[in-house]
Amino acid sequence: MTLPNDHNPSIEQLQAQVNATIREHWKAYLFEGVLFLIFGLAAIVLPPVAGIAITILLGWLFLMTGIAGLAFSFWARSGPGFWWSLISAVLALFAGVVLIARPVQSLETLTLLIGVYFLAEGVATIMYALQHRGQSSQRWGWVLFSGVLDIFVAFIIISGWPGTAGWALGLLVGINLVFGGSSLIALALSARNAP
């Protein structure tokens, strides 16, 4: 069943609506981009502080998730999976407390996990690139390069661990924030100047 054209907007109409919304709120995007850029540069300049701040923030997220999980588990205790839900909530609470109470030691563990993640992501990306090498995709070389770069970053993080805990997480988040903030600033300025 198809809807009339009033209720079935085309991709061009949706894109036009998105562009209009961005143009209307370009100052908000600019403000958010500048904040991301400032926080990203701060994280790059002070990666140990940023890493510990991220660890504590993650701890609070786990703690709140655990509290909500406990409340839900007891609220729905007659439902199936009560014990699994309860165990999950207790684990989240425990992880939150550990991350908040021992942020420096937790940062070391998070750094190792990030290194393992980059290693797994790099291997998966390389396999994906090799699988698409013989197909029509002309960009498989860039995907392959991305996978090799992931493995290189993983090697640096894991081989230098636990010393890399002082800079890896904060630096990576800082770089991400700088790129994200720069993108938002470019988007906002482009929308401001659009007709």
N, C-alpha and C. Protein backbone atom coordinates (compact mmCIF):
# COMPACT_ATOMS: atom_id res chain seq x y z
N MET A 1 0.84 -1.18 0.00
CA MET A 1 0.00 0.00 0.00
C MET A 1 0.89 1.24 0.00
N THR A 2 0.63 2.16 -0.89
CA THR A 2 1.42 3.39 -0.94
C THR A 2 0.57 4.54 -0.43
N LEU A 3 1.25 5.45 0.18
CA LEU A 3 0.58 6.63 0.70
C LEU A 3 0.56 7.72 -0.36
N PRO A 4 -0.36 8.65 -0.27
CA PRO A 4 -0.34 9.78 -1.21
C PRO A 4 0.97 10.53 -1.07
N ASN A 5 1.34 11.30 -2.08
CA ASN A 5 2.60 12.03 -2.07
C ASN A 5 2.74 12.96 -0.88
N ASP A 6 1.63 13.42 -0.29
CA ASP A 6 1.70 14.29 0.90
C ASP A 6 2.35 13.54 2.07
N HIS A 7 2.09 12.24 2.15
CA HIS A 7 2.55 11.47 3.31
C HIS A 7 3.71 10.55 2.98
N ASN A 8 4.19 10.58 1.76
CA ASN A 8 5.29 9.72 1.34
C ASN A 8 6.39 10.60 0.71
N PRO A 9 7.10 11.34 1.55
CA PRO A 9 8.09 12.28 1.00
C PRO A 9 9.23 11.54 0.32
N SER A 10 9.72 12.12 -0.73
CA SER A 10 10.85 11.53 -1.44
C SER A 10 12.13 11.84 -0.68
N ILE A 11 13.19 11.21 -1.11
CA ILE A 11 14.49 11.44 -0.48
C ILE A 11 14.90 12.91 -0.63
N GLU A 12 14.60 13.49 -1.78
CA GLU A 12 14.95 14.90 -2.01
C GLU A 12 14.20 15.81 -1.05
N GLN A 13 12.92 15.49 -0.79
CA GLN A 13 12.14 16.31 0.14
C GLN A 13 12.70 16.18 1.56
N LEU A 14 13.05 14.95 1.94
CA LEU A 14 13.62 14.74 3.28
C LEU A 14 14.94 15.49 3.41
N GLN A 15 15.78 15.41 2.38
CA GLN A 15 17.06 16.12 2.40
C GLN A 15 16.84 17.62 2.51
N ALA A 16 15.85 18.13 1.79
CA ALA A 16 15.54 19.56 1.85
C ALA A 16 15.08 19.95 3.25
N GLN A 17 14.29 19.10 3.90
CA GLN A 17 13.84 19.38 5.26
C GLN A 17 15.01 19.38 6.24
N VAL A 18 15.90 18.40 6.08
CA VAL A 18 17.08 18.34 6.94
C VAL A 18 17.94 19.59 6.75
N ASN A 19 18.17 19.97 5.48
CA ASN A 19 18.96 21.17 5.20
C ASN A 19 18.32 22.42 5.78
N ALA A 20 17.00 22.51 5.69
CA ALA A 20 16.30 23.67 6.24
C ALA A 20 16.44 23.73 7.75
N THR A 21 16.36 22.56 8.40
CA THR A 21 16.50 22.51 9.86
C THR A 21 17.91 22.91 10.27
N ILE A 22 18.91 22.42 9.56
CA ILE A 22 20.30 22.78 9.87
C ILE A 22 20.51 24.28 9.66
N ARG A 23 19.97 24.81 8.56
CA ARG A 23 20.10 26.24 8.26
C ARG A 23 19.43 27.08 9.35
N GLU A 24 18.28 26.62 9.82
CA GLU A 24 17.53 27.37 10.83
C GLU A 24 18.26 27.38 12.18
N HIS A 25 18.96 26.28 12.48
CA HIS A 25 19.62 26.14 13.79
C HIS A 25 21.14 26.10 13.66
N TRP A 26 21.70 26.79 12.68
CA TRP A 26 23.13 26.72 12.43
C TRP A 26 23.95 27.20 13.62
N LYS A 27 23.42 28.14 14.40
CA LYS A 27 24.17 28.65 15.56
C LYS A 27 24.34 27.56 16.62
N ALA A 28 23.32 26.73 16.80
CA ALA A 28 23.42 25.64 17.77
C ALA A 28 24.48 24.63 17.32
N TYR A 29 24.51 24.31 16.02
CA TYR A 29 25.53 23.40 15.50
C TYR A 29 26.92 24.01 15.65
N LEU A 30 27.03 25.30 15.40
CA LEU A 30 28.32 25.99 15.54
C LEU A 30 28.78 25.96 17.00
N PHE A 31 27.88 26.25 17.93
CA PHE A 31 28.22 26.24 19.35
C PHE A 31 28.67 24.84 19.79
N GLU A 32 27.92 23.82 19.37
CA GLU A 32 28.28 22.45 19.72
C GLU A 32 29.64 22.08 19.13
N GLY A 33 29.88 22.49 17.88
CA GLY A 33 31.15 22.21 17.24
C GLY A 33 32.32 22.87 17.95
N VAL A 34 32.14 24.12 18.36
CA VAL A 34 33.20 24.83 19.08
C VAL A 34 33.48 24.16 20.42
N LEU A 35 32.41 23.73 21.13
CA LEU A 35 32.61 23.02 22.40
C LEU A 35 33.38 21.72 22.19
N PHE A 36 32.97 20.94 21.18
CA PHE A 36 33.68 19.70 20.88
C PHE A 36 35.15 19.97 20.58
N LEU A 37 35.39 21.01 19.79
CA LEU A 37 36.76 21.36 19.42
C LEU A 37 37.59 21.74 20.65
N ILE A 38 37.01 22.55 21.53
CA ILE A 38 37.72 22.96 22.75
C ILE A 38 38.01 21.76 23.65
N PHE A 39 36.99 20.91 23.88
CA PHE A 39 37.19 19.73 24.73
C PHE A 39 38.18 18.76 24.08
N GLY A 40 38.12 18.64 22.76
CA GLY A 40 39.05 17.76 22.06
C GLY A 40 40.48 18.22 22.18
N LEU A 41 40.71 19.53 21.99
CA LEU A 41 42.06 20.07 22.13
C LEU A 41 42.56 19.92 23.56
N ALA A 42 41.67 20.14 24.53
CA ALA A 42 42.05 19.96 25.93
C ALA A 42 42.43 18.51 26.21
N ALA A 43 41.68 17.57 25.63
CA ALA A 43 41.99 16.15 25.82
C ALA A 43 43.31 15.77 25.17
N ILE A 44 43.62 16.39 24.03
CA ILE A 44 44.89 16.10 23.35
C ILE A 44 46.06 16.68 24.15
N VAL A 45 45.87 17.87 24.73
CA VAL A 45 46.93 18.51 25.51
C VAL A 45 47.12 17.81 26.86
N LEU A 46 46.02 17.36 27.46
CA LEU A 46 46.07 16.71 28.78
C LEU A 46 45.43 15.32 28.72
N PRO A 47 46.02 14.39 27.97
CA PRO A 47 45.37 13.08 27.82
C PRO A 47 45.19 12.28 29.12
N PRO A 48 46.11 12.36 30.10
CA PRO A 48 45.84 11.60 31.34
C PRO A 48 44.60 12.10 32.08
N VAL A 49 44.43 13.42 32.12
CA VAL A 49 43.26 13.99 32.79
C VAL A 49 41.99 13.58 32.05
N ALA A 50 42.04 13.65 30.72
CA ALA A 50 40.88 13.27 29.92
C ALA A 50 40.56 11.80 30.10
N GLY A 51 41.59 10.95 30.14
CA GLY A 51 41.37 9.51 30.32
C GLY A 51 40.71 9.19 31.65
N ILE A 52 41.17 9.85 32.70
CA ILE A 52 40.57 9.61 34.02
C ILE A 52 39.14 10.16 34.06
N ALA A 53 38.91 11.31 33.45
CA ALA A 53 37.56 11.87 33.40
C ALA A 53 36.61 10.94 32.66
N ILE A 54 37.07 10.37 31.55
CA ILE A 54 36.24 9.44 30.79
C ILE A 54 35.97 8.19 31.60
N THR A 55 36.97 7.71 32.32
CA THR A 55 36.79 6.52 33.17
C THR A 55 35.75 6.77 34.24
N ILE A 56 35.82 7.93 34.90
CA ILE A 56 34.85 8.26 35.95
C ILE A 56 33.45 8.42 35.36
N LEU A 57 33.35 9.07 34.21
CA LEU A 57 32.05 9.22 33.55
C LEU A 57 31.46 7.86 33.21
N LEU A 58 32.30 6.97 32.67
CA LEU A 58 31.84 5.62 32.37
C LEU A 58 31.40 4.90 33.63
N GLY A 59 32.12 5.13 34.72
CA GLY A 59 31.74 4.54 36.00
C GLY A 59 30.36 4.99 36.45
N TRP A 60 30.08 6.28 36.32
CA TRP A 60 28.76 6.78 36.70
C TRP A 60 27.67 6.22 35.80
N LEU A 61 27.98 6.05 34.52
CA LEU A 61 27.00 5.46 33.61
C LEU A 61 26.68 4.02 34.02
N PHE A 62 27.72 3.24 34.34
CA PHE A 62 27.50 1.88 34.81
C PHE A 62 26.72 1.86 36.11
N LEU A 63 27.05 2.77 37.02
CA LEU A 63 26.37 2.83 38.31
C LEU A 63 24.88 3.12 38.13
N MET A 64 24.55 4.11 37.32
CA MET A 64 23.14 4.45 37.07
C MET A 64 22.42 3.30 36.36
N THR A 65 23.11 2.66 35.42
CA THR A 65 22.52 1.50 34.73
C THR A 65 22.25 0.37 35.72
N GLY A 66 23.18 0.15 36.61
CA GLY A 66 23.00 -0.90 37.61
C GLY A 66 21.85 -0.61 38.55
N ILE A 67 21.73 0.64 38.98
CA ILE A 67 20.61 1.01 39.86
C ILE A 67 19.28 0.83 39.14
N ALA A 68 19.22 1.30 37.90
CA ALA A 68 17.98 1.13 37.12
C ALA A 68 17.69 -0.34 36.88
N GLY A 69 18.73 -1.13 36.61
CA GLY A 69 18.56 -2.57 36.40
C GLY A 69 18.06 -3.27 37.64
N LEU A 70 18.57 -2.89 38.82
CA LEU A 70 18.07 -3.47 40.06
C LEU A 70 16.60 -3.14 40.28
N ALA A 71 16.26 -1.87 40.07
CA ALA A 71 14.87 -1.47 40.25
C ALA A 71 13.96 -2.24 39.30
N PHE A 72 14.36 -2.36 38.05
CA PHE A 72 13.54 -3.08 37.08
C PHE A 72 13.46 -4.57 37.43
N SER A 73 14.58 -5.14 37.86
CA SER A 73 14.59 -6.57 38.20
C SER A 73 13.60 -6.88 39.31
N PHE A 74 13.58 -6.06 40.35
CA PHE A 74 12.66 -6.31 41.45
C PHE A 74 11.23 -5.95 41.09
N TRP A 75 11.07 -4.97 40.21
CA TRP A 75 9.72 -4.61 39.76
C TRP A 75 9.11 -5.75 38.94
N ALA A 76 9.94 -6.42 38.11
CA ALA A 76 9.45 -7.50 37.25
C ALA A 76 9.97 -8.85 37.75
N ARG A 77 10.05 -9.03 39.06
CA ARG A 77 10.64 -10.25 39.61
C ARG A 77 9.85 -11.51 39.30
N SER A 78 8.59 -11.38 38.97
CA SER A 78 7.81 -12.57 38.64
C SER A 78 7.98 -12.98 37.18
N GLY A 79 8.65 -12.16 36.38
CA GLY A 79 8.85 -12.46 34.97
C GLY A 79 10.02 -13.43 34.77
N PRO A 80 10.13 -13.94 33.54
CA PRO A 80 11.24 -14.85 33.26
C PRO A 80 12.57 -14.10 33.23
N GLY A 81 13.62 -14.79 33.62
CA GLY A 81 14.96 -14.21 33.56
C GLY A 81 15.30 -13.28 34.72
N PHE A 82 14.55 -13.39 35.82
CA PHE A 82 14.78 -12.50 36.96
C PHE A 82 16.23 -12.57 37.44
N TRP A 83 16.75 -13.80 37.62
CA TRP A 83 18.08 -13.95 38.18
C TRP A 83 19.15 -13.41 37.23
N TRP A 84 18.96 -13.61 35.92
CA TRP A 84 19.92 -13.08 34.95
C TRP A 84 19.90 -11.56 34.93
N SER A 85 18.71 -11.02 35.04
CA SER A 85 18.57 -9.56 35.08
C SER A 85 19.22 -9.00 36.35
N LEU A 86 19.01 -9.68 37.44
CA LEU A 86 19.59 -9.26 38.72
C LEU A 86 21.12 -9.33 38.68
N ILE A 87 21.65 -10.42 38.14
CA ILE A 87 23.11 -10.57 38.03
C ILE A 87 23.69 -9.47 37.14
N SER A 88 23.03 -9.19 36.03
CA SER A 88 23.50 -8.12 35.13
C SER A 88 23.53 -6.78 35.84
N ALA A 89 22.49 -6.48 36.61
CA ALA A 89 22.42 -5.21 37.33
C ALA A 89 23.51 -5.12 38.40
N VAL A 90 23.75 -6.21 39.10
CA VAL A 90 24.78 -6.22 40.14
C VAL A 90 26.17 -6.04 39.51
N LEU A 91 26.40 -6.69 38.36
CA LEU A 91 27.68 -6.53 37.66
C LEU A 91 27.88 -5.08 37.21
N ALA A 92 26.82 -4.46 36.71
CA ALA A 92 26.92 -3.05 36.30
C ALA A 92 27.23 -2.16 37.49
N LEU A 93 26.55 -2.42 38.62
CA LEU A 93 26.83 -1.66 39.85
C LEU A 93 28.29 -1.84 40.27
N PHE A 94 28.75 -3.09 40.26
CA PHE A 94 30.13 -3.38 40.66
C PHE A 94 31.11 -2.67 39.74
N ALA A 95 30.89 -2.76 38.43
CA ALA A 95 31.78 -2.10 37.47
C ALA A 95 31.79 -0.59 37.71
N GLY A 96 30.62 -0.01 37.96
CA GLY A 96 30.54 1.42 38.21
C GLY A 96 31.31 1.83 39.44
N VAL A 97 31.14 1.08 40.52
CA VAL A 97 31.84 1.40 41.76
C VAL A 97 33.35 1.29 41.57
N VAL A 98 33.81 0.24 40.89
CA VAL A 98 35.24 0.06 40.66
C VAL A 98 35.80 1.19 39.80
N LEU A 99 35.10 1.54 38.72
CA LEU A 99 35.59 2.61 37.84
C LEU A 99 35.67 3.95 38.57
N ILE A 100 34.71 4.22 39.43
CA ILE A 100 34.70 5.48 40.17
C ILE A 100 35.73 5.47 41.30
N ALA A 101 35.81 4.36 42.04
CA ALA A 101 36.69 4.29 43.21
C ALA A 101 38.17 4.16 42.82
N ARG A 102 38.45 3.52 41.68
CA ARG A 102 39.84 3.28 41.27
C ARG A 102 40.03 3.68 39.81
N PRO A 103 39.89 4.97 39.51
CA PRO A 103 39.92 5.38 38.10
C PRO A 103 41.26 5.15 37.40
N VAL A 104 42.37 5.28 38.12
CA VAL A 104 43.68 5.11 37.48
C VAL A 104 43.88 3.65 37.07
N GLN A 105 43.59 2.72 37.97
CA GLN A 105 43.73 1.31 37.65
C GLN A 105 42.71 0.89 36.59
N SER A 106 41.52 1.45 36.66
CA SER A 106 40.49 1.14 35.68
C SER A 106 40.88 1.67 34.31
N LEU A 107 41.54 2.81 34.28
CA LEU A 107 42.00 3.38 33.01
C LEU A 107 42.99 2.43 32.32
N GLU A 108 43.83 1.77 33.11
CA GLU A 108 44.75 0.79 32.52
C GLU A 108 43.99 -0.35 31.85
N THR A 109 42.96 -0.84 32.52
CA THR A 109 42.16 -1.93 31.96
C THR A 109 41.42 -1.47 30.71
N LEU A 110 40.84 -0.28 30.76
CA LEU A 110 40.13 0.25 29.59
C LEU A 110 41.08 0.43 28.41
N THR A 111 42.31 0.87 28.69
CA THR A 111 43.29 1.06 27.62
C THR A 111 43.61 -0.27 26.96
N LEU A 112 43.80 -1.32 27.74
CA LEU A 112 44.06 -2.63 27.18
C LEU A 112 42.88 -3.11 26.33
N LEU A 113 41.65 -2.89 26.83
CA LEU A 113 40.46 -3.26 26.07
C LEU A 113 40.38 -2.50 24.75
N ILE A 114 40.76 -1.23 24.76
CA ILE A 114 40.76 -0.44 23.52
C ILE A 114 41.79 -1.00 22.54
N GLY A 115 42.95 -1.38 23.05
CA GLY A 115 43.96 -1.99 22.19
C GLY A 115 43.46 -3.28 21.55
N VAL A 116 42.81 -4.12 22.33
CA VAL A 116 42.25 -5.37 21.80
C VAL A 116 41.15 -5.07 20.78
N TYR A 117 40.33 -4.05 21.08
CA TYR A 117 39.28 -3.66 20.13
C TYR A 117 39.87 -3.22 18.80
N PHE A 118 40.90 -2.38 18.84
CA PHE A 118 41.53 -1.92 17.60
C PHE A 118 42.13 -3.10 16.82
N LEU A 119 42.69 -4.06 17.54
CA LEU A 119 43.26 -5.23 16.88
C LEU A 119 42.16 -6.02 16.17
N ALA A 120 41.06 -6.30 16.89
CA ALA A 120 39.95 -7.06 16.28
C ALA A 120 39.32 -6.28 15.13
N GLU A 121 39.14 -4.98 15.31
CA GLU A 121 38.57 -4.13 14.26
C GLU A 121 39.48 -4.10 13.04
N GLY A 122 40.78 -4.04 13.25
CA GLY A 122 41.73 -4.03 12.14
C GLY A 122 41.69 -5.32 11.34
N VAL A 123 41.68 -6.45 12.04
CA VAL A 123 41.62 -7.74 11.35
C VAL A 123 40.31 -7.85 10.56
N ALA A 124 39.19 -7.49 11.18
CA ALA A 124 37.90 -7.57 10.49
C ALA A 124 37.87 -6.64 9.27
N THR A 125 38.44 -5.44 9.40
CA THR A 125 38.46 -4.48 8.28
C THR A 125 39.32 -5.00 7.14
N ILE A 126 40.46 -5.60 7.46
CA ILE A 126 41.33 -6.16 6.42
C ILE A 126 40.62 -7.30 5.70
N MET A 127 39.96 -8.16 6.44
CA MET A 127 39.24 -9.28 5.81
C MET A 127 38.12 -8.75 4.91
N TYR A 128 37.44 -7.71 5.36
CA TYR A 128 36.38 -7.09 4.56
C TYR A 128 36.96 -6.52 3.27
N ALA A 129 38.10 -5.84 3.38
CA ALA A 129 38.73 -5.25 2.20
C ALA A 129 39.16 -6.32 1.22
N LEU A 130 39.77 -7.38 1.71
CA LEU A 130 40.22 -8.46 0.83
C LEU A 130 39.05 -9.16 0.16
N GLN A 131 37.95 -9.26 0.85
CA GLN A 131 36.76 -9.89 0.27
C GLN A 131 36.20 -9.04 -0.86
N HIS A 132 36.34 -7.71 -0.77
CA HIS A 132 35.80 -6.81 -1.79
C HIS A 132 36.83 -6.45 -2.87
N ARG A 133 38.04 -6.99 -2.76
CA ARG A 133 39.10 -6.66 -3.71
C ARG A 133 38.73 -7.07 -5.13
N GLY A 134 38.17 -8.21 -5.30
CA GLY A 134 37.85 -8.69 -6.63
C GLY A 134 36.53 -8.19 -7.17
N GLN A 135 35.77 -7.47 -6.36
CA GLN A 135 34.47 -6.99 -6.81
C GLN A 135 34.61 -5.60 -7.41
N SER A 136 33.48 -5.01 -7.70
CA SER A 136 33.49 -3.73 -8.42
C SER A 136 33.94 -2.56 -7.56
N SER A 137 34.02 -2.75 -6.26
CA SER A 137 34.40 -1.64 -5.39
C SER A 137 35.84 -1.22 -5.65
N GLN A 138 36.04 0.06 -5.95
CA GLN A 138 37.37 0.59 -6.25
C GLN A 138 38.06 1.13 -4.99
N ARG A 139 37.37 1.13 -3.88
CA ARG A 139 37.92 1.74 -2.67
C ARG A 139 38.46 0.71 -1.68
N TRP A 140 38.62 -0.52 -2.09
CA TRP A 140 39.04 -1.55 -1.16
C TRP A 140 40.44 -1.26 -0.60
N GLY A 141 41.26 -0.58 -1.37
CA GLY A 141 42.61 -0.24 -0.89
C GLY A 141 42.58 0.68 0.32
N TRP A 142 41.65 1.64 0.31
CA TRP A 142 41.51 2.55 1.46
C TRP A 142 41.00 1.80 2.68
N VAL A 143 40.09 0.86 2.45
CA VAL A 143 39.57 0.05 3.56
C VAL A 143 40.70 -0.81 4.13
N LEU A 144 41.51 -1.38 3.25
CA LEU A 144 42.66 -2.18 3.68
C LEU A 144 43.63 -1.33 4.49
N PHE A 145 43.91 -0.12 4.01
CA PHE A 145 44.80 0.79 4.73
C PHE A 145 44.24 1.12 6.12
N SER A 146 42.94 1.32 6.20
CA SER A 146 42.30 1.60 7.49
C SER A 146 42.49 0.44 8.45
N GLY A 147 42.34 -0.78 7.96
CA GLY A 147 42.54 -1.95 8.81
C GLY A 147 43.97 -2.09 9.29
N VAL A 148 44.92 -1.83 8.39
CA VAL A 148 46.34 -1.89 8.77
C VAL A 148 46.64 -0.81 9.80
N LEU A 149 46.07 0.37 9.64
CA LEU A 149 46.27 1.46 10.60
C LEU A 149 45.70 1.08 11.97
N ASP A 150 44.51 0.43 11.99
CA ASP A 150 43.93 -0.02 13.26
C ASP A 150 44.88 -0.99 13.96
N ILE A 151 45.46 -1.93 13.20
CA ILE A 151 46.37 -2.90 13.81
C ILE A 151 47.63 -2.21 14.31
N PHE A 152 48.11 -1.21 13.58
CA PHE A 152 49.29 -0.45 14.01
C PHE A 152 49.01 0.27 15.33
N VAL A 153 47.84 0.92 15.44
CA VAL A 153 47.46 1.59 16.68
C VAL A 153 47.33 0.57 17.81
N ALA A 154 46.73 -0.59 17.52
CA ALA A 154 46.60 -1.65 18.53
C ALA A 154 47.98 -2.10 19.01
N PHE A 155 48.91 -2.26 18.08
CA PHE A 155 50.28 -2.67 18.44
C PHE A 155 50.92 -1.66 19.37
N ILE A 156 50.77 -0.37 19.06
CA ILE A 156 51.35 0.68 19.91
C ILE A 156 50.74 0.63 21.31
N ILE A 157 49.41 0.52 21.37
CA ILE A 157 48.74 0.53 22.67
C ILE A 157 49.08 -0.70 23.49
N ILE A 158 49.00 -1.89 22.88
CA ILE A 158 49.21 -3.13 23.62
C ILE A 158 50.68 -3.32 23.99
N SER A 159 51.60 -3.02 23.06
CA SER A 159 53.02 -3.24 23.35
C SER A 159 53.55 -2.29 24.42
N GLY A 160 52.95 -1.11 24.54
CA GLY A 160 53.39 -0.16 25.54
C GLY A 160 52.59 -0.20 26.83
N TRP A 161 51.62 -1.09 26.90
CA TRP A 161 50.75 -1.17 28.07
C TRP A 161 51.53 -1.65 29.28
N PRO A 162 51.35 -1.15 30.46
CA PRO A 162 50.34 -0.21 30.94
C PRO A 162 50.72 1.26 30.78
N GLY A 163 51.93 1.53 30.27
CA GLY A 163 52.36 2.92 30.11
C GLY A 163 51.48 3.72 29.18
N THR A 164 50.86 3.07 28.20
CA THR A 164 50.00 3.79 27.25
C THR A 164 48.70 4.26 27.89
N ALA A 165 48.39 3.74 29.07
CA ALA A 165 47.15 4.16 29.74
C ALA A 165 47.16 5.65 30.05
N GLY A 166 48.35 6.22 30.20
CA GLY A 166 48.44 7.63 30.51
C GLY A 166 48.05 8.55 29.38
N TRP A 167 48.04 8.04 28.15
CA TRP A 167 47.76 8.95 27.04
C TRP A 167 46.78 8.41 26.00
N ALA A 168 46.66 7.10 25.85
CA ALA A 168 45.92 6.54 24.71
C ALA A 168 44.45 6.92 24.69
N LEU A 169 43.72 6.65 25.77
CA LEU A 169 42.28 6.91 25.78
C LEU A 169 41.98 8.40 25.62
N GLY A 170 42.66 9.24 26.39
CA GLY A 170 42.44 10.68 26.30
C GLY A 170 42.78 11.23 24.93
N LEU A 171 43.89 10.76 24.35
CA LEU A 171 44.30 11.23 23.02
C LEU A 171 43.31 10.80 21.95
N LEU A 172 42.89 9.54 21.98
CA LEU A 172 41.95 9.05 20.96
C LEU A 172 40.61 9.77 21.05
N VAL A 173 40.12 9.97 22.26
CA VAL A 173 38.85 10.70 22.42
C VAL A 173 39.05 12.16 21.99
N GLY A 174 40.18 12.75 22.33
CA GLY A 174 40.46 14.12 21.91
C GLY A 174 40.48 14.28 20.41
N ILE A 175 41.15 13.37 19.71
CA ILE A 175 41.18 13.41 18.25
C ILE A 175 39.78 13.28 17.68
N ASN A 176 39.01 12.36 18.25
CA ASN A 176 37.63 12.18 17.78
C ASN A 176 36.81 13.44 17.97
N LEU A 177 36.96 14.09 19.12
CA LEU A 177 36.22 15.33 19.39
C LEU A 177 36.65 16.46 18.46
N VAL A 178 37.95 16.55 18.17
CA VAL A 178 38.43 17.60 17.26
C VAL A 178 37.84 17.41 15.87
N PHE A 179 37.87 16.17 15.36
CA PHE A 179 37.29 15.93 14.04
C PHE A 179 35.79 16.14 14.03
N GLY A 180 35.10 15.66 15.09
CA GLY A 180 33.65 15.86 15.17
C GLY A 180 33.30 17.33 15.28
N GLY A 181 34.02 18.07 16.11
CA GLY A 181 33.77 19.50 16.27
C GLY A 181 34.04 20.27 15.00
N SER A 182 35.14 19.94 14.32
CA SER A 182 35.46 20.61 13.05
C SER A 182 34.38 20.35 12.01
N SER A 183 33.87 19.12 11.98
CA SER A 183 32.80 18.78 11.03
C SER A 183 31.54 19.59 11.32
N LEU A 184 31.19 19.70 12.60
CA LEU A 184 29.99 20.47 12.97
C LEU A 184 30.16 21.95 12.64
N ILE A 185 31.35 22.48 12.87
CA ILE A 185 31.61 23.89 12.55
C ILE A 185 31.48 24.11 11.05
N ALA A 186 32.07 23.21 10.26
CA ALA A 186 31.97 23.33 8.80
C ALA A 186 30.53 23.23 8.34
N LEU A 187 29.78 22.31 8.93
CA LEU A 187 28.37 22.15 8.59
C LEU A 187 27.58 23.41 8.92
N ALA A 188 27.82 23.98 10.09
CA ALA A 188 27.10 25.18 10.52
C ALA A 188 27.42 26.36 9.62
N LEU A 189 28.70 26.55 9.31
CA LEU A 189 29.08 27.68 8.47
C LEU A 189 28.56 27.52 7.04
N SER A 190 28.54 26.29 6.57
CA SER A 190 27.99 26.01 5.24
C SER A 190 26.49 26.29 5.22
N ALA A 191 25.80 25.89 6.28
CA ALA A 191 24.34 26.12 6.35
C ALA A 191 24.04 27.61 6.47
N ARG A 192 24.87 28.34 7.21
CA ARG A 192 24.65 29.78 7.39
C ARG A 192 24.74 30.51 6.04
N ASN A 193 25.69 30.07 5.21
CA ASN A 193 25.92 30.76 3.93
C ASN A 193 25.05 30.21 2.79
N ALA A 194 24.27 29.16 3.09
CA ALA A 194 23.43 28.57 2.03
C ALA A 194 22.29 29.51 1.69
N PRO A 195 21.83 29.47 0.42
CA PRO A 195 20.72 30.35 0.02
C PRO A 195 19.41 29.93 0.67
